[in-house]
Amino acid sequence: MMSKIIHLKPIVDDISEENSVSTNIIYTTIKQAILHATKAKYKLLNINVNINNVNGIYNVYAIYDIININKYNISIKKSFKKIKITNLLNDNYQKEIHLSNFKRQNIDPAKKIIINKIRSFKKKFQLDNFHKNTIIGIVKKQTMYSLIIDINHDIYGVIHKNDLIPYEHFKINDKIKACVKEILNHKTDSIIYLSRVCNNMLFNLLKLEVPEINENIIHIKNIVRNPGLRSKVSIISHHKQLNPVGICLGIRGSRIKNVSNELNKEKIDLIIWNKNIIKYVLNMFYNIIINTIEINVKTKFIKIIINKINIPKAIGKAGQNIKLLNRLTNWKIKVIS
C-alpha cells in the first residue's frame, strides 16, 4: 500500500521567507528532527530519511539487517509473513514508516528541534548582518560599568561606559544607536559589544543621512574623532562637477546637523581629500590665509606659516584641531606665525 505523498515545499518556503534562513538548512533540520523522533519511537538505530529538496517529498524507512536467519531454523517466508516489505536488499530489508502513526509525544520533541535550530540559524544570520553596522536598541539594564541593550527580543548587546560619548546619559527604556564593535561567539551564546565612540559609528550615520555615500557618488577616505567634541572626515566625489562638502552638509546644514545631534553635538568638519598633500592641506585650512607651506616628504613633516591672529583658529582649543589633522593625514603638521 502506497503512503500518502506529503509535500514539504510550501511549508519550507514559508519558514524560509519568514526567518531569512535558506531552504537547504530547513530541509536538513527537518531530516534531523524526523530521524530523532523515529529512533525514539521505534528504538531503532538504522533509519533512512529521504527528502527531495526540490519538491519537498519525503520518505522514511527502517533498515533491518538479515543476520544468519537459518541459525534459528526460521524460514524467510515465515519470518517476513507479518511484515510488509517495501524493498528486499542483499543483506537487509527496509520497511517504510508512516509519520501519520506518530502521536503528539513523538511529534513534540521533533518540533522543538526544528524550532530551536531555525531560531539558532536566524540569530546567526542576524549577527552576521550586525557586524560593524549601526543598530537601534532599547536600554534594558544599567550597571556601574555598562548598559545592557535589547537589540531584537532574544538578542542583547553590551556597551561599556568607556564606549559611550563623554557626558551623555541613558535611562532604562531609552532608545540608543550604537555600532557593533565586536561579536564574541561562545558555545552557548554570542556576546555583542557595542560602541558609540568608534569611527564606524560616524561612518554609518553619514551613510544613513547622505544617500550619495551609499550610492558611491561620494567616498569617505578617512575619519578621526575626539568623541563628543570634534571629528574630521575627508571625502571625495567621483563626479567632478559635484561639491561633496555641500552634499554632505545638506540644505542649511540639515544632514550634518542630524549626525551631530546623534553624537551629543559633536562638531564634524568635512574636508575634500586630495592625493597631493599640499592641496589637501589647503583644503584643511580653506578659511585661513596661509603665507607659506614648507614640506619634507622624507620625514612627512609640514610647516605652515600664517598670521598670528589666526593661530588659535588653526590650532584649536588645547591643540585639538592640529592633533586631529595629524591623525587624519599621518603627517606631522606644525603651525607657526
Protein backbone atom coordinates (compact mmCIF):
# COMPACT_ATOMS: atom_id res chain seq x y z
CA MET A 1 0.00 0.00 0.00
CA MET A 2 1.42 3.36 -1.07
CA SER A 3 1.82 6.03 1.60
CA LYS A 4 0.19 9.39 1.23
CA ILE A 5 2.61 11.74 -0.52
CA ILE A 6 3.29 14.84 1.58
CA HIS A 7 4.88 17.93 0.03
CA LEU A 8 7.01 19.94 2.47
CA LYS A 9 7.92 22.60 -0.10
CA PRO A 10 5.15 25.17 0.65
CA ILE A 11 5.80 24.92 4.41
CA VAL A 12 9.59 25.15 3.98
CA ASP A 13 9.30 28.12 1.61
CA ASP A 14 7.13 30.00 4.12
CA ILE A 15 9.52 29.30 7.01
CA SER A 16 12.50 30.32 4.87
CA GLU A 17 10.93 33.63 3.86
CA GLU A 18 9.69 34.45 7.35
CA ASN A 19 13.00 33.71 9.11
CA SER A 20 15.57 34.57 6.39
CA VAL A 21 17.01 31.04 6.56
CA SER A 22 17.88 29.05 3.42
CA THR A 23 15.57 26.18 2.40
CA ASN A 24 18.52 23.73 2.37
CA ILE A 25 19.15 24.45 6.05
CA ILE A 26 15.47 23.92 6.87
CA TYR A 27 15.31 20.60 4.95
CA THR A 28 18.45 19.40 6.78
CA THR A 29 16.91 20.41 10.11
CA ILE A 30 13.63 18.59 9.33
CA LYS A 31 15.60 15.48 8.36
CA GLN A 32 17.46 15.54 11.70
CA ALA A 33 14.19 16.02 13.60
CA ILE A 34 12.49 13.10 11.80
CA LEU A 35 15.50 10.87 12.49
CA HIS A 36 15.42 11.78 16.17
CA ALA A 37 11.66 11.20 16.52
CA THR A 38 11.69 7.91 14.61
CA LYS A 39 14.61 6.44 16.55
CA ALA A 40 12.98 7.45 19.82
CA LYS A 41 9.63 5.87 18.89
CA TYR A 42 10.80 2.57 17.37
CA LYS A 43 14.06 2.18 19.34
CA LEU A 44 15.92 1.54 16.09
CA LEU A 45 19.42 2.66 15.17
CA ASN A 46 19.25 2.34 11.41
CA ILE A 47 16.77 4.84 9.92
CA ASN A 48 16.89 6.25 6.43
CA VAL A 49 15.16 9.60 5.72
CA ASN A 50 14.97 10.81 2.12
CA ILE A 51 13.84 14.37 1.38
CA ASN A 52 13.72 15.82 -2.11
CA ASN A 53 14.88 19.43 -1.68
CA VAL A 54 13.23 20.44 -4.95
CA ASN A 55 9.63 19.29 -4.44
CA GLY A 56 9.72 18.58 -0.68
CA ILE A 57 8.52 14.93 -0.93
CA TYR A 58 9.94 12.72 1.82
CA ASN A 59 10.06 9.04 2.79
CA VAL A 60 11.19 7.34 5.99
CA TYR A 61 12.47 3.78 6.12
CA ALA A 62 13.60 1.44 8.90
CA ILE A 63 16.54 -0.68 7.78
CA TYR A 64 16.72 -4.24 9.20
CA ASP A 65 19.77 -6.45 8.79
CA ILE A 66 19.23 -10.14 7.89
CA ILE A 67 21.64 -11.96 10.16
CA ASN A 68 22.20 -15.75 9.96
CA ILE A 69 18.46 -16.43 9.76
CA ASN A 70 18.91 -20.21 9.27
CA LYS A 71 20.65 -20.46 12.64
CA TYR A 72 17.28 -20.06 14.29
CA ASN A 73 15.62 -22.57 11.91
CA ILE A 74 13.09 -19.99 10.71
CA SER A 75 12.15 -19.83 7.07
CA ILE A 76 12.48 -16.49 5.31
CA LYS A 77 8.90 -16.74 4.16
CA LYS A 78 7.64 -17.26 7.72
CA SER A 79 9.82 -14.56 9.25
CA PHE A 80 8.55 -11.92 6.81
CA LYS A 81 4.92 -13.10 6.86
CA LYS A 82 3.75 -10.43 9.29
CA ILE A 83 5.88 -7.63 7.83
CA LYS A 84 5.05 -5.58 4.76
CA ILE A 85 8.36 -5.15 2.95
CA THR A 86 8.98 -2.25 0.58
CA ASN A 87 12.40 -3.32 -0.69
CA LEU A 88 14.37 -6.50 -0.13
CA LEU A 89 18.12 -5.86 -0.32
CA ASN A 90 21.12 -8.22 -0.26
CA ASP A 91 21.73 -8.33 3.49
CA ASN A 92 18.85 -6.24 4.77
CA TYR A 93 15.38 -5.06 4.05
CA GLN A 94 13.74 -1.69 4.53
CA LYS A 95 10.26 -1.07 5.82
CA GLU A 96 8.54 2.26 5.21
CA ILE A 97 7.45 4.19 8.30
CA HIS A 98 4.43 6.48 8.14
CA LEU A 99 4.63 9.58 10.27
CA SER A 100 0.84 9.68 10.41
CA ASN A 101 1.14 6.91 13.02
CA PHE A 102 3.08 9.21 15.34
CA LYS A 103 1.41 10.57 18.45
CA ARG A 104 1.84 14.01 19.99
CA GLN A 105 4.54 12.82 22.41
CA ASN A 106 6.56 11.65 19.38
CA ILE A 107 5.99 14.82 17.35
CA ASP A 108 6.66 17.48 20.04
CA PRO A 109 10.40 16.72 20.52
CA ALA A 110 10.88 16.89 16.74
CA LYS A 111 9.06 20.23 16.58
CA LYS A 112 11.29 21.52 19.37
CA ILE A 113 14.42 20.54 17.42
CA ILE A 114 13.18 22.34 14.30
CA ILE A 115 12.16 25.50 16.18
CA ASN A 116 15.45 25.69 18.13
CA LYS A 117 17.60 25.07 15.05
CA ILE A 118 15.79 27.66 12.94
CA ARG A 119 15.98 30.16 15.81
CA SER A 120 19.71 29.47 16.08
CA PHE A 121 20.34 29.93 12.34
CA LYS A 122 18.17 33.05 12.28
CA LYS A 123 20.15 34.52 15.15
CA LYS A 124 23.45 33.69 13.43
CA PHE A 125 22.21 35.35 10.23
CA GLN A 126 21.26 38.47 12.19
CA LEU A 127 24.61 38.51 14.00
CA ASP A 128 26.47 38.27 10.69
CA ASN A 129 24.47 41.23 9.38
CA PHE A 130 25.05 43.22 12.56
CA HIS A 131 28.82 43.17 12.21
CA LYS A 132 30.19 46.76 12.04
CA ASN A 133 26.68 48.08 11.40
CA THR A 134 24.76 50.59 13.48
CA ILE A 135 21.85 49.14 15.41
CA ILE A 136 18.95 50.71 17.29
CA GLY A 137 18.14 49.12 20.62
CA ILE A 138 16.43 49.74 23.93
CA VAL A 139 18.31 50.20 27.22
CA LYS A 140 17.11 47.34 29.42
CA LYS A 141 19.55 47.39 32.30
CA GLN A 142 22.22 49.63 33.81
CA THR A 143 25.24 48.53 35.81
CA MET A 144 28.10 50.55 37.23
CA TYR A 145 30.24 49.89 34.17
CA SER A 146 27.89 49.12 31.27
CA LEU A 147 24.45 49.20 29.66
CA ILE A 148 22.54 46.09 28.52
CA ILE A 149 20.79 46.77 25.22
CA ASP A 150 17.81 44.84 23.83
CA ILE A 151 18.60 44.71 20.11
CA ASN A 152 15.98 42.28 18.87
CA HIS A 153 13.97 40.39 21.51
CA ASP A 154 16.32 37.49 22.35
CA ILE A 155 19.45 39.31 21.06
CA TYR A 156 21.18 41.58 23.57
CA GLY A 157 24.23 43.83 23.37
CA VAL A 158 26.63 45.27 25.93
CA ILE A 159 28.02 48.80 25.80
CA HIS A 160 30.70 49.70 28.32
CA LYS A 161 30.76 53.19 29.80
CA ASN A 162 34.05 53.99 28.03
CA ASP A 163 32.32 53.21 24.72
CA LEU A 164 29.74 55.93 25.40
CA ILE A 165 30.35 59.54 24.36
CA PRO A 166 31.56 61.55 27.39
CA TYR A 167 28.81 63.27 29.40
CA GLU A 168 25.91 61.50 27.68
CA HIS A 169 23.45 59.57 29.82
CA PHE A 170 20.78 57.00 29.03
CA LYS A 171 17.90 55.79 31.17
CA ILE A 172 16.02 52.46 31.19
CA ASN A 173 13.77 52.11 28.07
CA ASP A 174 15.66 54.88 26.21
CA LYS A 175 16.34 54.23 22.53
CA ILE A 176 20.04 54.08 21.69
CA LYS A 177 22.01 53.92 18.45
CA ALA A 178 25.37 52.16 18.60
CA CYS A 179 27.87 50.50 16.31
CA VAL A 180 28.66 46.81 16.64
CA LYS A 181 32.26 46.81 17.80
CA GLU A 182 32.85 43.09 18.27
CA ILE A 183 30.91 39.81 18.40
CA LEU A 184 32.37 37.09 20.60
CA ASN A 185 30.93 33.63 19.96
CA HIS A 186 30.70 31.20 22.85
CA LYS A 187 29.44 27.61 22.91
CA THR A 188 26.03 28.55 24.29
CA ASP A 189 25.60 32.13 23.08
CA SER A 190 27.19 35.20 21.50
CA ILE A 191 28.08 38.48 23.18
CA ILE A 192 27.68 41.64 21.10
CA TYR A 193 29.85 44.54 22.22
CA LEU A 194 28.65 47.97 21.12
CA SER A 195 30.28 51.39 20.86
CA ARG A 196 29.30 54.99 20.19
CA VAL A 197 32.87 56.34 20.07
CA CYS A 198 34.31 54.26 17.20
CA ASN A 199 34.84 55.71 13.71
CA ASN A 200 32.33 53.25 12.23
CA MET A 201 29.59 54.91 14.28
CA LEU A 202 30.13 58.21 12.47
CA PHE A 203 30.67 56.46 9.14
CA ASN A 204 27.34 54.57 9.37
CA LEU A 205 25.43 57.67 10.48
CA LEU A 206 26.75 59.59 7.48
CA LYS A 207 25.69 56.72 5.21
CA LEU A 208 22.17 56.87 6.67
CA GLU A 209 21.89 60.65 6.24
CA VAL A 210 23.67 61.04 2.89
CA PRO A 211 22.30 58.68 0.17
CA GLU A 212 25.13 59.75 -2.16
CA ILE A 213 27.60 57.89 0.09
CA ASN A 214 25.59 54.66 -0.22
CA GLU A 215 25.39 55.18 -3.97
CA ASN A 216 29.20 55.62 -4.18
CA ILE A 217 28.84 59.11 -5.60
CA ILE A 218 30.77 60.34 -2.55
CA HIS A 219 33.53 58.30 -0.95
CA ILE A 220 34.74 58.66 2.64
CA LYS A 221 38.53 58.38 2.65
CA ASN A 222 39.23 58.72 6.36
CA ILE A 223 37.67 59.59 9.72
CA VAL A 224 39.23 60.71 13.00
CA ARG A 225 37.26 61.52 16.13
CA ASN A 226 37.52 63.13 19.51
CA PRO A 227 34.13 61.69 20.56
CA GLY A 228 31.56 64.24 21.64
CA LEU A 229 33.84 67.17 20.83
CA ARG A 230 35.13 67.20 17.27
CA SER A 231 35.72 64.91 14.32
CA LYS A 232 37.20 65.29 10.86
CA VAL A 233 36.03 63.45 7.76
CA SER A 234 37.92 63.52 4.47
CA ILE A 235 35.68 62.94 1.46
CA ILE A 236 35.93 62.91 -2.31
CA SER A 237 33.36 62.95 -5.11
CA HIS A 238 33.66 60.68 -8.12
CA HIS A 239 31.83 63.35 -10.13
CA LYS A 240 34.00 66.45 -10.53
CA GLN A 241 31.03 68.75 -11.01
CA LEU A 242 29.61 67.87 -7.58
CA ASN A 243 30.64 69.52 -4.31
CA PRO A 244 30.91 66.67 -1.77
CA VAL A 245 31.02 69.01 1.22
CA GLY A 246 27.80 70.77 0.18
CA ILE A 247 26.04 67.45 -0.43
CA CYS A 248 27.06 66.06 2.99
CA LEU A 249 26.06 69.28 4.74
CA GLY A 250 22.58 69.21 3.20
CA ILE A 251 20.15 72.12 2.93
CA ARG A 252 21.06 74.65 5.64
CA GLY A 253 23.35 72.03 7.14
CA SER A 254 20.42 69.73 7.97
CA ARG A 255 22.18 66.44 7.15
CA ILE A 256 25.32 67.06 9.15
CA LYS A 257 23.26 68.56 11.98
CA ASN A 258 21.27 65.34 12.34
CA VAL A 259 24.51 63.35 12.58
CA SER A 260 25.99 65.84 15.07
CA ASN A 261 22.86 65.73 17.28
CA GLU A 262 23.02 61.95 17.45
CA LEU A 263 26.64 62.21 18.67
CA ASN A 264 25.89 64.60 21.54
CA LYS A 265 26.52 67.75 19.42
CA GLU A 266 29.92 66.56 18.19
CA LYS A 267 31.29 69.11 15.69
CA ILE A 268 32.02 67.47 12.33
CA ASP A 269 34.50 69.05 9.88
CA LEU A 270 34.25 67.91 6.26
CA ILE A 271 37.45 68.13 4.20
CA ILE A 272 37.88 67.43 0.48
CA TRP A 273 40.58 64.79 0.11
CA ASN A 274 43.41 65.19 -2.42
CA LYS A 275 46.32 62.87 -3.17
CA ASN A 276 48.51 65.97 -3.44
CA ILE A 277 49.37 66.70 0.21
CA ILE A 278 49.77 70.46 -0.37
CA LYS A 279 46.30 70.73 -1.96
CA TYR A 280 44.96 68.53 0.83
CA VAL A 281 46.40 70.88 3.47
CA LEU A 282 44.99 73.92 1.69
CA ASN A 283 41.56 72.27 1.82
CA MET A 284 42.01 71.74 5.58
CA PHE A 285 42.74 75.44 6.14
CA TYR A 286 40.41 76.81 3.46
CA ASN A 287 39.14 79.57 5.78
CA ILE A 288 42.63 80.73 6.84
CA ILE A 289 45.11 82.70 4.74
CA ILE A 290 48.36 80.71 4.53
CA ASN A 291 51.55 82.67 3.91
CA THR A 292 53.97 79.74 3.37
CA ILE A 293 53.93 75.95 3.34
CA GLU A 294 57.20 74.07 3.89
CA ILE A 295 57.13 70.30 3.30
CA ASN A 296 59.59 67.45 3.92
CA VAL A 297 58.41 64.33 2.12
CA LYS A 298 61.04 62.04 3.70
CA THR A 299 60.09 62.86 7.29
CA LYS A 300 56.44 63.58 6.41
CA PHE A 301 56.67 66.96 8.10
CA ILE A 302 54.70 70.08 7.13
CA LYS A 303 55.31 73.59 8.48
CA ILE A 304 52.57 76.14 7.87
CA ILE A 305 53.21 79.85 8.38
CA ILE A 306 50.16 82.06 8.95
CA ASN A 307 49.32 85.43 10.56
CA LYS A 308 49.48 85.44 14.34
CA ILE A 309 45.81 86.36 14.65
CA ASN A 310 44.81 83.05 13.01
CA ILE A 311 46.97 80.78 15.20
CA PRO A 312 44.24 79.93 17.78
CA LYS A 313 41.78 79.12 14.98
CA ALA A 314 44.29 76.87 13.16
CA ILE A 315 45.49 75.01 16.23
CA GLY A 316 42.16 74.75 18.02
CA LYS A 317 41.36 74.53 21.71
CA ALA A 318 44.17 72.68 23.53
CA GLY A 319 45.70 71.90 20.11
CA GLN A 320 42.73 69.67 19.26
CA ASN A 321 42.47 70.77 15.60
CA ILE A 322 46.11 70.07 14.76
CA LYS A 323 46.12 66.74 16.65
CA LEU A 324 43.14 65.53 14.61
CA LEU A 325 44.75 66.68 11.34
CA ASN A 326 47.95 64.81 12.21
CA ARG A 327 45.92 61.64 12.70
CA LEU A 328 43.88 62.27 9.55
CA THR A 329 46.93 62.67 7.29
CA ASN A 330 49.58 60.63 9.14
CA TRP A 331 51.81 63.66 8.69
CA LYS A 332 53.32 65.91 11.38
CA ILE A 333 51.77 69.37 10.87
CA LYS A 334 53.16 72.40 12.68
CA VAL A 335 51.56 75.84 12.54
CA ILE A 336 53.62 78.96 13.35
CA SER A 337 53.23 82.72 12.89
